[in-house]
Amino acid sequence: MLQILAVTRCYGPGPWFLIFPLFWFGFLALLFFTIGRRRGRGPWGGGGGRSVLDERYARGEISVDEYRERRAVLEEGRR
């Protein structure tokens, strides 16, 4: 029994030393990107109409009243 333990220890921690943390890192990254995409903030999601409306208002293409009106319509559709 003592010889088996000695042989096992010669090989070191094995591949699990790298695979286990990489698995959890990949899982958390997938979770992060999935939640971000659903909220429109992920690398694949653009943010939809709200971000376009914010950009148009920031550039001065629409007035404050028009911005508020269109934002209210977008929020109504979300409910």
Protein backbone atom coordinates (compact mmCIF):
# COMPACT_ATOMS: atom_id res chain seq x y z
CA MET A 1 0.00 0.00 0.00
CA LEU A 2 2.82 2.36 0.84
CA GLN A 3 4.46 1.72 -2.54
CA ILE A 4 1.22 2.56 -4.39
CA LEU A 5 0.99 5.92 -2.65
CA ALA A 6 4.64 6.63 -3.44
CA VAL A 7 4.12 5.86 -7.14
CA THR A 8 0.98 7.99 -7.26
CA ARG A 9 2.76 10.96 -5.73
CA CYS A 10 5.50 10.85 -8.36
CA TYR A 11 3.11 11.97 -11.08
CA GLY A 12 2.06 15.21 -9.37
CA PRO A 13 -1.42 16.68 -9.33
CA GLY A 14 -2.28 15.50 -12.84
CA PRO A 15 -4.46 17.22 -15.42
CA TRP A 16 -7.17 18.10 -12.90
CA PHE A 17 -4.88 20.81 -11.61
CA LEU A 18 -5.66 22.80 -14.80
CA ILE A 19 -8.94 21.31 -15.98
CA PHE A 20 -10.96 22.01 -12.84
CA PRO A 21 -10.28 25.80 -12.67
CA LEU A 22 -10.67 26.13 -16.44
CA PHE A 23 -14.04 24.41 -16.26
CA TRP A 24 -15.30 26.84 -13.63
CA PHE A 25 -13.86 29.84 -15.46
CA GLY A 26 -15.62 28.75 -18.65
CA PHE A 27 -18.88 28.14 -16.81
CA LEU A 28 -18.82 31.56 -15.16
CA ALA A 29 -17.91 33.28 -18.44
CA LEU A 30 -20.81 31.56 -20.20
CA LEU A 31 -23.16 32.57 -17.41
CA PHE A 32 -21.93 36.17 -17.51
CA PHE A 33 -22.33 36.48 -21.28
CA THR A 34 -25.75 34.81 -21.24
CA ILE A 35 -27.11 37.17 -18.60
CA GLY A 36 -25.54 40.14 -20.36
CA ARG A 37 -27.09 39.15 -23.66
CA ARG A 38 -30.54 38.82 -22.15
CA ARG A 39 -30.26 42.30 -20.67
CA GLY A 40 -28.92 43.72 -23.92
CA ARG A 41 -25.48 44.53 -22.53
CA GLY A 42 -23.48 41.51 -23.64
CA PRO A 43 -21.02 41.40 -26.49
CA TRP A 44 -23.73 40.19 -28.87
CA GLY A 45 -26.61 42.35 -27.69
CA GLY A 46 -26.86 45.89 -28.92
CA GLY A 47 -29.23 47.26 -26.34
CA GLY A 48 -32.10 47.73 -28.74
CA GLY A 49 -34.19 50.80 -29.23
CA ARG A 50 -33.32 52.40 -25.92
CA SER A 51 -29.62 52.73 -26.75
CA VAL A 52 -30.42 54.09 -30.22
CA LEU A 53 -32.78 56.62 -28.69
CA ASP A 54 -30.15 57.66 -26.13
CA GLU A 55 -27.56 58.12 -28.88
CA ARG A 56 -29.90 60.22 -31.02
CA TYR A 57 -30.69 62.43 -28.03
CA ALA A 58 -27.01 62.79 -27.16
CA ARG A 59 -26.19 63.88 -30.72
CA GLY A 60 -28.99 66.47 -30.59
CA GLU A 61 -31.09 64.88 -33.33
CA ILE A 62 -34.25 64.86 -31.20
CA SER A 63 -35.61 67.23 -28.57
CA VAL A 64 -36.20 66.50 -24.89
CA ASP A 65 -39.95 66.19 -25.38
CA GLU A 66 -39.56 63.80 -28.30
CA TYR A 67 -37.02 61.76 -26.33
CA ARG A 68 -39.36 61.42 -23.34
CA GLU A 69 -42.31 60.52 -25.54
CA ARG A 70 -40.43 57.81 -27.44
CA ARG A 71 -38.87 56.47 -24.24
CA ALA A 72 -42.33 56.14 -22.68
CA VAL A 73 -43.50 54.17 -25.73
CA LEU A 74 -40.49 51.84 -25.47
CA GLU A 75 -41.07 51.25 -21.75
CA GLU A 76 -44.76 50.53 -22.40
CA GLY A 77 -43.83 47.84 -24.89
CA ARG A 78 -41.47 46.22 -22.40
CA ARG A 79 -44.22 45.62 -19.83
